[in-house]
Amino acid sequence: MTSARKTEAVNLRMAPDVKELLRLAADREHRTLSNMLEVLVLQHCEQQGISLPEGQTRRKATSIEKS
């Protein structure tokens, strides 16, 4: 029996200036880079009306509210 993973690893490449902007935004909100990316994706999807297909749920641990 395999257990569901709590997180998934994602490798990505971005321009150094974009990474620095991400770091600055994350620092301002006292977040990790990965948490800041997660928050930004969730906010974008909420604004655009994008949701997971029926029956799929995302983990509830991440708040998109500013901490």
Protein backbone atom coordinates (compact mmCIF):
# COMPACT_ATOMS: atom_id res chain seq x y z
CA MET A 1 0.00 0.00 0.00
CA THR A 2 1.40 3.42 -0.92
CA SER A 3 0.56 6.59 0.95
CA ALA A 4 -0.35 9.84 -0.76
CA ARG A 5 2.44 12.37 -0.87
CA LYS A 6 1.85 15.63 0.97
CA THR A 7 3.91 17.59 -1.55
CA GLU A 8 5.38 17.15 -5.01
CA ALA A 9 8.84 18.24 -6.10
CA VAL A 10 8.95 20.71 -9.00
CA ASN A 11 12.13 21.77 -10.78
CA LEU A 12 11.96 24.93 -12.85
CA ARG A 13 14.17 27.49 -14.48
CA MET A 14 13.63 31.24 -14.44
CA ALA A 15 15.55 34.38 -15.20
CA PRO A 16 17.74 35.58 -12.33
CA ASP A 17 15.83 38.87 -12.06
CA VAL A 18 12.50 37.02 -11.76
CA LYS A 19 13.98 34.77 -9.07
CA GLU A 20 15.17 37.84 -7.18
CA LEU A 21 11.70 39.39 -7.39
CA LEU A 22 10.25 36.14 -6.07
CA ARG A 23 12.75 36.16 -3.21
CA LEU A 24 11.91 39.78 -2.35
CA ALA A 25 8.17 39.08 -2.40
CA ALA A 26 8.64 35.97 -0.24
CA ASP A 27 10.83 37.84 2.25
CA ARG A 28 8.28 40.64 2.54
CA GLU A 29 5.58 38.13 3.52
CA HIS A 30 7.90 35.91 5.59
CA ARG A 31 7.37 32.96 3.24
CA THR A 32 9.61 30.39 1.62
CA LEU A 33 10.11 30.60 -2.14
CA SER A 34 8.02 27.47 -2.65
CA ASN A 35 5.20 28.78 -0.45
CA MET A 36 5.26 32.14 -2.28
CA LEU A 37 4.95 30.34 -5.63
CA GLU A 38 2.08 28.26 -4.28
CA VAL A 39 0.27 31.37 -3.03
CA LEU A 40 0.77 33.17 -6.35
CA VAL A 41 -0.55 30.20 -8.36
CA LEU A 42 -3.59 29.86 -6.09
CA GLN A 43 -4.35 33.58 -6.32
CA HIS A 44 -4.01 33.54 -10.10
CA CYS A 45 -6.29 30.52 -10.45
CA GLU A 46 -8.88 32.06 -8.13
CA GLN A 47 -8.86 35.31 -10.15
CA GLN A 48 -9.16 33.41 -13.44
CA GLY A 49 -11.84 30.98 -12.28
CA ILE A 50 -9.56 27.96 -12.63
CA SER A 51 -10.30 25.03 -10.32
CA LEU A 52 -9.36 21.40 -9.96
CA PRO A 53 -11.58 18.83 -11.69
CA GLU A 54 -14.45 17.38 -9.66
CA GLY A 55 -13.23 14.92 -7.07
CA GLN A 56 -9.72 16.36 -6.77
CA THR A 57 -8.85 18.53 -3.80
CA ARG A 58 -5.76 20.46 -2.87
CA ARG A 59 -4.23 20.25 0.55
CA LYS A 60 -5.68 22.74 3.00
CA ALA A 61 -2.47 23.69 4.82
CA THR A 62 -1.63 26.71 2.67
CA SER A 63 -3.39 29.97 3.28
CA ILE A 64 -3.46 32.53 0.51
CA GLU A 65 -3.93 35.25 3.10
CA LYS A 66 -0.94 37.45 3.80
CA SER A 67 0.82 36.24 6.93
